[in-house]
Amino acid sequence: MEIQEESHSLRALFGNRKLCGANLWGGNNRYVFDFVVLDRGSSIVEVIIAVVIMAAVLGIALPTIGFVDQYRLDYEVSLLVKRLEYVKKLSGDMDIFVAKGYRDNNKLPKLVVDEEGGGYTCRIGNKTRESWSLPPGFMLICNRQETVFHRNGETSNCTFKLRLKDKSRKVVVDRVGRIRIE
C-alpha cells in the first residue's frame, strides 16, 4: 500500500508520521512548524542568490560580445583576401593584348567594389563571373573602383578598408600583386 503525501523538508529528520506514529504534525504543532516543513516555493534569499548569479554571468558575457565583432571582421577580411587571390589566379591564366601590343584592361578579370560598399563583384570584360555581398553592418571602402591583375601579377596600388561598427581592417594590394592585411 502506497502512501502519498506532500513533500516535507523535515521528513528525513522526524520520519513519516503515518508510518512512525509520530504526532509532530498534528494539533497546535502543525502551525508552529508549517512554514519550515512545507515546500511552498522560493524564499527571498534564494531569489537574491539567483539574481546575483545571473548578474555575474551577464557581466562576464557582455564584454565578450565585442570579440564576436572582431572575429566577424577578421573572417570577412580573410574572405576578401581569398577572393582577391582568386581574381589574381584568373588573370594569370589570360593576358589579352590588342593589335598594337598594349594590354586591354577591359577584357581582364577585375574585382569591382559596389558603389554603396555592400559587396564586390568579379567581372571578366562586361560579364559578371561572381558576385559577393557583405553581411549587414559591414562597409567596404576602396581607393579604386576596379582592381585589375595582369598575367605577371602586377596591378595598381589599391587599399581596401573593411569596417564593422567602430572596428576596421585594411587589405593592401601593392604594385607587384602582393596582398597583405594590416
C-alpha atoms as a PDB file:
ATOM      1  CA  MET A   1       0.000   0.000   0.000  1.00  0.00           C
ATOM      2  CA  GLU A   2       1.445   3.332  -1.063  1.00  0.00           C
ATOM      3  CA  ILE A   3       1.035   6.467   0.970  1.00  0.00           C
ATOM      4  CA  GLN A   4       1.158   9.754  -0.915  1.00  0.00           C
ATOM      5  CA  GLU A   5       1.943  12.925   0.997  1.00  0.00           C
ATOM      6  CA  GLU A   6       3.105  16.415   0.240  1.00  0.00           C
ATOM      7  CA  SER A   7       6.834  16.984   0.176  1.00  0.00           C
ATOM      8  CA  HIS A   8       8.153  17.989   3.619  1.00  0.00           C
ATOM      9  CA  SER A   9      11.601  19.378   4.264  1.00  0.00           C
ATOM     10  CA  LEU A  10      11.972  17.814   7.716  1.00  0.00           C
ATOM     11  CA  ARG A  11      10.638  14.351   6.784  1.00  0.00           C
ATOM     12  CA  ALA A  12      14.108  12.799   6.900  1.00  0.00           C
ATOM     13  CA  LEU A  13      14.661  14.154  10.421  1.00  0.00           C
ATOM     14  CA  PHE A  14      11.293  13.321  12.011  1.00  0.00           C
ATOM     15  CA  GLY A  15      10.114  10.492   9.746  1.00  0.00           C
ATOM     16  CA  ASN A  16       6.749   9.959   8.131  1.00  0.00           C
ATOM     17  CA  ARG A  17       4.106  10.382  10.873  1.00  0.00           C
ATOM     18  CA  LYS A  18       1.746   7.861   9.317  1.00  0.00           C
ATOM     19  CA  LEU A  19       4.413   5.171   9.266  1.00  0.00           C
ATOM     20  CA  CYS A  20       6.193   6.045  12.539  1.00  0.00           C
ATOM     21  CA  GLY A  21       3.151   7.114  14.520  1.00  0.00           C
ATOM     22  CA  ALA A  22       4.711  10.478  15.410  1.00  0.00           C
ATOM     23  CA  ASN A  23       2.155  13.141  16.165  1.00  0.00           C
ATOM     24  CA  LEU A  24       4.554  16.029  15.418  1.00  0.00           C
ATOM     25  CA  TRP A  25       2.404  17.407  12.615  1.00  0.00           C
ATOM     26  CA  GLY A  26      -0.921  17.260  14.414  1.00  0.00           C
ATOM     27  CA  GLY A  27      -2.725  19.780  16.585  1.00  0.00           C
ATOM     28  CA  ASN A  28      -1.070  23.079  17.503  1.00  0.00           C
ATOM     29  CA  ASN A  29       2.416  21.881  16.464  1.00  0.00           C
ATOM     30  CA  ARG A  30       1.334  21.740  12.839  1.00  0.00           C
ATOM     31  CA  TYR A  31       1.003  25.525  12.649  1.00  0.00           C
ATOM     32  CA  VAL A  32       4.278  26.122  14.507  1.00  0.00           C
ATOM     33  CA  PHE A  33       6.363  24.086  12.028  1.00  0.00           C
ATOM     34  CA  ASP A  34       4.237  24.744   8.954  1.00  0.00           C
ATOM     35  CA  PHE A  35       6.438  27.489   7.478  1.00  0.00           C
ATOM     36  CA  VAL A  36       9.562  25.329   7.838  1.00  0.00           C
ATOM     37  CA  VAL A  37       8.195  21.946   6.910  1.00  0.00           C
ATOM     38  CA  LEU A  38       6.095  22.504   3.798  1.00  0.00           C
ATOM     39  CA  ASP A  39       7.784  23.342   0.474  1.00  0.00           C
ATOM     40  CA  ARG A  40       5.774  26.325  -0.697  1.00  0.00           C
ATOM     41  CA  GLY A  41       8.182  27.959  -3.179  1.00  0.00           C
ATOM     42  CA  SER A  42      11.329  30.036  -3.147  1.00  0.00           C
ATOM     43  CA  SER A  43      12.444  32.192  -0.280  1.00  0.00           C
ATOM     44  CA  ILE A  44      13.721  35.713  -0.857  1.00  0.00           C
ATOM     45  CA  VAL A  45      17.283  34.580  -0.127  1.00  0.00           C
ATOM     46  CA  GLU A  46      17.126  32.000  -2.925  1.00  0.00           C
ATOM     47  CA  VAL A  47      15.764  34.619  -5.337  1.00  0.00           C
ATOM     48  CA  ILE A  48      18.532  37.082  -4.422  1.00  0.00           C
ATOM     49  CA  ILE A  49      21.202  34.379  -4.926  1.00  0.00           C
ATOM     50  CA  ALA A  50      19.746  33.527  -8.349  1.00  0.00           C
ATOM     51  CA  VAL A  51      19.737  37.217  -9.362  1.00  0.00           C
ATOM     52  CA  VAL A  52      23.364  37.636  -8.236  1.00  0.00           C
ATOM     53  CA  ILE A  53      24.438  34.571 -10.261  1.00  0.00           C
ATOM     54  CA  MET A  54      22.608  35.828 -13.357  1.00  0.00           C
ATOM     55  CA  ALA A  55      24.195  39.278 -12.971  1.00  0.00           C
ATOM     56  CA  ALA A  56      27.652  37.707 -12.733  1.00  0.00           C
ATOM     57  CA  VAL A  57      27.065  35.629 -15.874  1.00  0.00           C
ATOM     58  CA  LEU A  58      25.829  38.682 -17.800  1.00  0.00           C
ATOM     59  CA  GLY A  59      28.761  40.723 -16.517  1.00  0.00           C
ATOM     60  CA  ILE A  60      31.123  38.161 -17.993  1.00  0.00           C
ATOM     61  CA  ALA A  61      29.176  37.650 -21.232  1.00  0.00           C
ATOM     62  CA  LEU A  62      28.566  41.262 -22.284  1.00  0.00           C
ATOM     63  CA  PRO A  63      32.222  42.290 -22.832  1.00  0.00           C
ATOM     64  CA  THR A  64      32.837  39.191 -24.948  1.00  0.00           C
ATOM     65  CA  ILE A  65      30.180  40.271 -27.460  1.00  0.00           C
ATOM     66  CA  GLY A  66      32.707  42.844 -28.738  1.00  0.00           C
ATOM     67  CA  PHE A  67      35.085  39.986 -29.531  1.00  0.00           C
ATOM     68  CA  VAL A  68      32.446  38.456 -31.784  1.00  0.00           C
ATOM     69  CA  ASP A  69      32.544  41.594 -33.950  1.00  0.00           C
ATOM     70  CA  GLN A  70      36.323  41.305 -34.237  1.00  0.00           C
ATOM     71  CA  TYR A  71      36.052  37.641 -35.270  1.00  0.00           C
ATOM     72  CA  ARG A  72      33.401  38.507 -37.861  1.00  0.00           C
ATOM     73  CA  LEU A  73      35.604  41.293 -39.231  1.00  0.00           C
ATOM     74  CA  ASP A  74      38.651  39.016 -39.410  1.00  0.00           C
ATOM     75  CA  TYR A  75      36.599  36.364 -41.210  1.00  0.00           C
ATOM     76  CA  GLU A  76      35.326  38.817 -43.840  1.00  0.00           C
ATOM     77  CA  VAL A  77      38.846  40.189 -44.355  1.00  0.00           C
ATOM     78  CA  SER A  78      40.166  36.674 -44.950  1.00  0.00           C
ATOM     79  CA  LEU A  79      37.357  36.085 -47.488  1.00  0.00           C
ATOM     80  CA  LEU A  80      38.268  39.327 -49.267  1.00  0.00           C
ATOM     81  CA  VAL A  81      41.916  38.230 -49.469  1.00  0.00           C
ATOM     82  CA  LYS A  82      40.926  34.811 -50.833  1.00  0.00           C
ATOM     83  CA  ARG A  83      38.727  36.420 -53.476  1.00  0.00           C
ATOM     84  CA  LEU A  84      41.489  38.832 -54.482  1.00  0.00           C
ATOM     85  CA  GLU A  85      43.804  35.852 -54.888  1.00  0.00           C
ATOM     86  CA  TYR A  86      41.075  34.148 -56.924  1.00  0.00           C
ATOM     87  CA  VAL A  87      40.895  37.108 -59.327  1.00  0.00           C
ATOM     88  CA  LYS A  88      44.695  37.184 -59.478  1.00  0.00           C
ATOM     89  CA  LYS A  89      44.747  33.466 -60.390  1.00  0.00           C
ATOM     90  CA  LEU A  90      42.104  34.014 -63.085  1.00  0.00           C
ATOM     91  CA  SER A  91      44.124  36.808 -64.618  1.00  0.00           C
ATOM     92  CA  GLY A  92      47.284  34.687 -64.531  1.00  0.00           C
ATOM     93  CA  ASP A  93      45.580  32.296 -66.911  1.00  0.00           C
ATOM     94  CA  MET A  94      44.951  35.006 -69.512  1.00  0.00           C
ATOM     95  CA  ASP A  95      46.641  38.145 -70.725  1.00  0.00           C
ATOM     96  CA  ILE A  96      44.915  39.785 -73.645  1.00  0.00           C
ATOM     97  CA  PHE A  97      46.690  42.269 -75.902  1.00  0.00           C
ATOM     98  CA  VAL A  98      45.285  44.442 -78.608  1.00  0.00           C
ATOM     99  CA  ALA A  99      46.896  44.621 -82.041  1.00  0.00           C
ATOM    100  CA  LYS A 100      49.358  47.358 -81.049  1.00  0.00           C
ATOM    101  CA  GLY A 101      50.720  45.303 -78.144  1.00  0.00           C
ATOM    102  CA  TYR A 102      49.041  47.176 -75.285  1.00  0.00           C
ATOM    103  CA  ARG A 103      47.148  45.466 -72.517  1.00  0.00           C
ATOM    104  CA  ASP A 104      43.410  45.614 -72.845  1.00  0.00           C
ATOM    105  CA  ASN A 105      42.221  46.054 -69.246  1.00  0.00           C
ATOM    106  CA  ASN A 106      38.582  45.820 -70.307  1.00  0.00           C
ATOM    107  CA  LYS A 107      38.974  42.114 -71.094  1.00  0.00           C
ATOM    108  CA  LEU A 108      40.991  41.126 -67.986  1.00  0.00           C
ATOM    109  CA  PRO A 109      39.393  39.797 -64.794  1.00  0.00           C
ATOM    110  CA  LYS A 110      38.831  42.516 -62.224  1.00  0.00           C
ATOM    111  CA  LEU A 111      37.387  42.945 -58.782  1.00  0.00           C
ATOM    112  CA  VAL A 112      34.798  45.734 -58.742  1.00  0.00           C
ATOM    113  CA  VAL A 113      33.607  47.260 -55.458  1.00  0.00           C
ATOM    114  CA  ASP A 114      29.915  48.200 -55.284  1.00  0.00           C
ATOM    115  CA  GLU A 115      29.238  51.908 -55.035  1.00  0.00           C
ATOM    116  CA  GLU A 116      27.416  51.559 -51.719  1.00  0.00           C
ATOM    117  CA  GLY A 117      30.233  49.427 -50.287  1.00  0.00           C
ATOM    118  CA  GLY A 118      27.932  46.499 -49.570  1.00  0.00           C
ATOM    119  CA  GLY A 119      29.773  43.957 -51.695  1.00  0.00           C
ATOM    120  CA  TYR A 120      32.080  43.297 -54.635  1.00  0.00           C
ATOM    121  CA  THR A 121      31.981  41.525 -57.969  1.00  0.00           C
ATOM    122  CA  CYS A 122      34.397  39.561 -60.140  1.00  0.00           C
ATOM    123  CA  ARG A 123      33.976  40.602 -63.766  1.00  0.00           C
ATOM    124  CA  ILE A 124      35.649  39.484 -66.957  1.00  0.00           C
ATOM    125  CA  GLY A 125      35.021  42.117 -69.570  1.00  0.00           C
ATOM    126  CA  ASN A 126      31.421  43.208 -69.172  1.00  0.00           C
ATOM    127  CA  LYS A 127      30.235  39.855 -67.858  1.00  0.00           C
ATOM    128  CA  THR A 128      29.819  39.188 -64.147  1.00  0.00           C
ATOM    129  CA  ARG A 129      31.511  35.956 -63.166  1.00  0.00           C
ATOM    130  CA  GLU A 130      30.733  36.000 -59.434  1.00  0.00           C
ATOM    131  CA  SER A 131      29.217  38.465 -57.021  1.00  0.00           C
ATOM    132  CA  TRP A 132      29.600  38.597 -53.236  1.00  0.00           C
ATOM    133  CA  SER A 133      27.648  40.707 -50.798  1.00  0.00           C
ATOM    134  CA  LEU A 134      28.785  41.629 -47.311  1.00  0.00           C
ATOM    135  CA  PRO A 135      26.720  40.808 -44.215  1.00  0.00           C
ATOM    136  CA  PRO A 136      24.634  43.619 -42.695  1.00  0.00           C
ATOM    137  CA  GLY A 137      26.675  46.201 -40.836  1.00  0.00           C
ATOM    138  CA  PHE A 138      29.815  45.823 -42.969  1.00  0.00           C
ATOM    139  CA  MET A 139      31.119  48.572 -45.232  1.00  0.00           C
ATOM    140  CA  LEU A 140      33.857  48.197 -47.863  1.00  0.00           C
ATOM    141  CA  ILE A 141      35.763  51.271 -48.985  1.00  0.00           C
ATOM    142  CA  CYS A 142      38.431  51.206 -51.668  1.00  0.00           C
ATOM    143  CA  ASN A 143      40.574  53.930 -53.232  1.00  0.00           C
ATOM    144  CA  ARG A 144      39.876  52.370 -56.669  1.00  0.00           C
ATOM    145  CA  GLN A 145      36.577  51.210 -58.101  1.00  0.00           C
ATOM    146  CA  GLU A 146      38.248  48.343 -60.010  1.00  0.00           C
ATOM    147  CA  THR A 147      41.287  46.230 -59.232  1.00  0.00           C
ATOM    148  CA  VAL A 148      42.812  44.570 -62.305  1.00  0.00           C
ATOM    149  CA  PHE A 149      45.592  41.976 -62.106  1.00  0.00           C
ATOM    150  CA  HIS A 150      47.788  41.262 -65.121  1.00  0.00           C
ATOM    151  CA  ARG A 151      49.265  37.890 -66.038  1.00  0.00           C
ATOM    152  CA  ASN A 152      52.529  38.506 -64.179  1.00  0.00           C
ATOM    153  CA  GLY A 153      50.570  39.590 -61.069  1.00  0.00           C
ATOM    154  CA  GLU A 154      51.143  43.303 -61.485  1.00  0.00           C
ATOM    155  CA  THR A 155      48.380  45.689 -60.566  1.00  0.00           C
ATOM    156  CA  SER A 156      47.928  49.261 -59.487  1.00  0.00           C
ATOM    157  CA  ASN A 157      48.277  50.062 -55.786  1.00  0.00           C
ATOM    158  CA  CYS A 158      44.994  49.560 -54.008  1.00  0.00           C
ATOM    159  CA  THR A 159      43.811  49.718 -50.397  1.00  0.00           C
ATOM    160  CA  PHE A 160      40.585  48.098 -49.224  1.00  0.00           C
ATOM    161  CA  LYS A 161      39.183  49.166 -45.864  1.00  0.00           C
ATOM    162  CA  LEU A 162      36.553  46.899 -44.339  1.00  0.00           C
ATOM    163  CA  ARG A 163      34.559  48.401 -41.457  1.00  0.00           C
ATOM    164  CA  LEU A 164      32.175  46.957 -38.892  1.00  0.00           C
ATOM    165  CA  LYS A 165      30.822  49.457 -36.361  1.00  0.00           C
ATOM    166  CA  ASP A 166      33.903  51.044 -34.746  1.00  0.00           C
ATOM    167  CA  LYS A 167      36.390  48.383 -35.925  1.00  0.00           C
ATOM    168  CA  SER A 168      38.202  48.312 -39.254  1.00  0.00           C
ATOM    169  CA  ARG A 169      40.899  46.346 -41.080  1.00  0.00           C
ATOM    170  CA  LYS A 170      42.866  47.165 -44.213  1.00  0.00           C
ATOM    171  CA  VAL A 171      43.829  44.927 -47.094  1.00  0.00           C
ATOM    172  CA  VAL A 172      46.634  46.385 -49.183  1.00  0.00           C
ATOM    173  CA  VAL A 173      47.490  45.261 -52.716  1.00  0.00           C
ATOM    174  CA  ASP A 174      50.815  46.644 -53.907  1.00  0.00           C
ATOM    175  CA  ARG A 175      52.139  47.224 -57.406  1.00  0.00           C
ATOM    176  CA  VAL A 176      53.663  43.766 -57.813  1.00  0.00           C
ATOM    177  CA  GLY A 177      50.482  41.993 -56.683  1.00  0.00           C
ATOM    178  CA  ARG A 178      51.311  41.185 -53.049  1.00  0.00           C
ATOM    179  CA  ILE A 179      48.236  41.100 -50.843  1.00  0.00           C
ATOM    180  CA  ARG A 180      48.626  41.802 -47.141  1.00  0.00           C
ATOM    181  CA  ILE A 181      46.373  42.524 -44.189  1.00  0.00           C
ATOM    182  CA  GLU A 182      47.025  45.443 -41.854  1.00  0.00           C
END
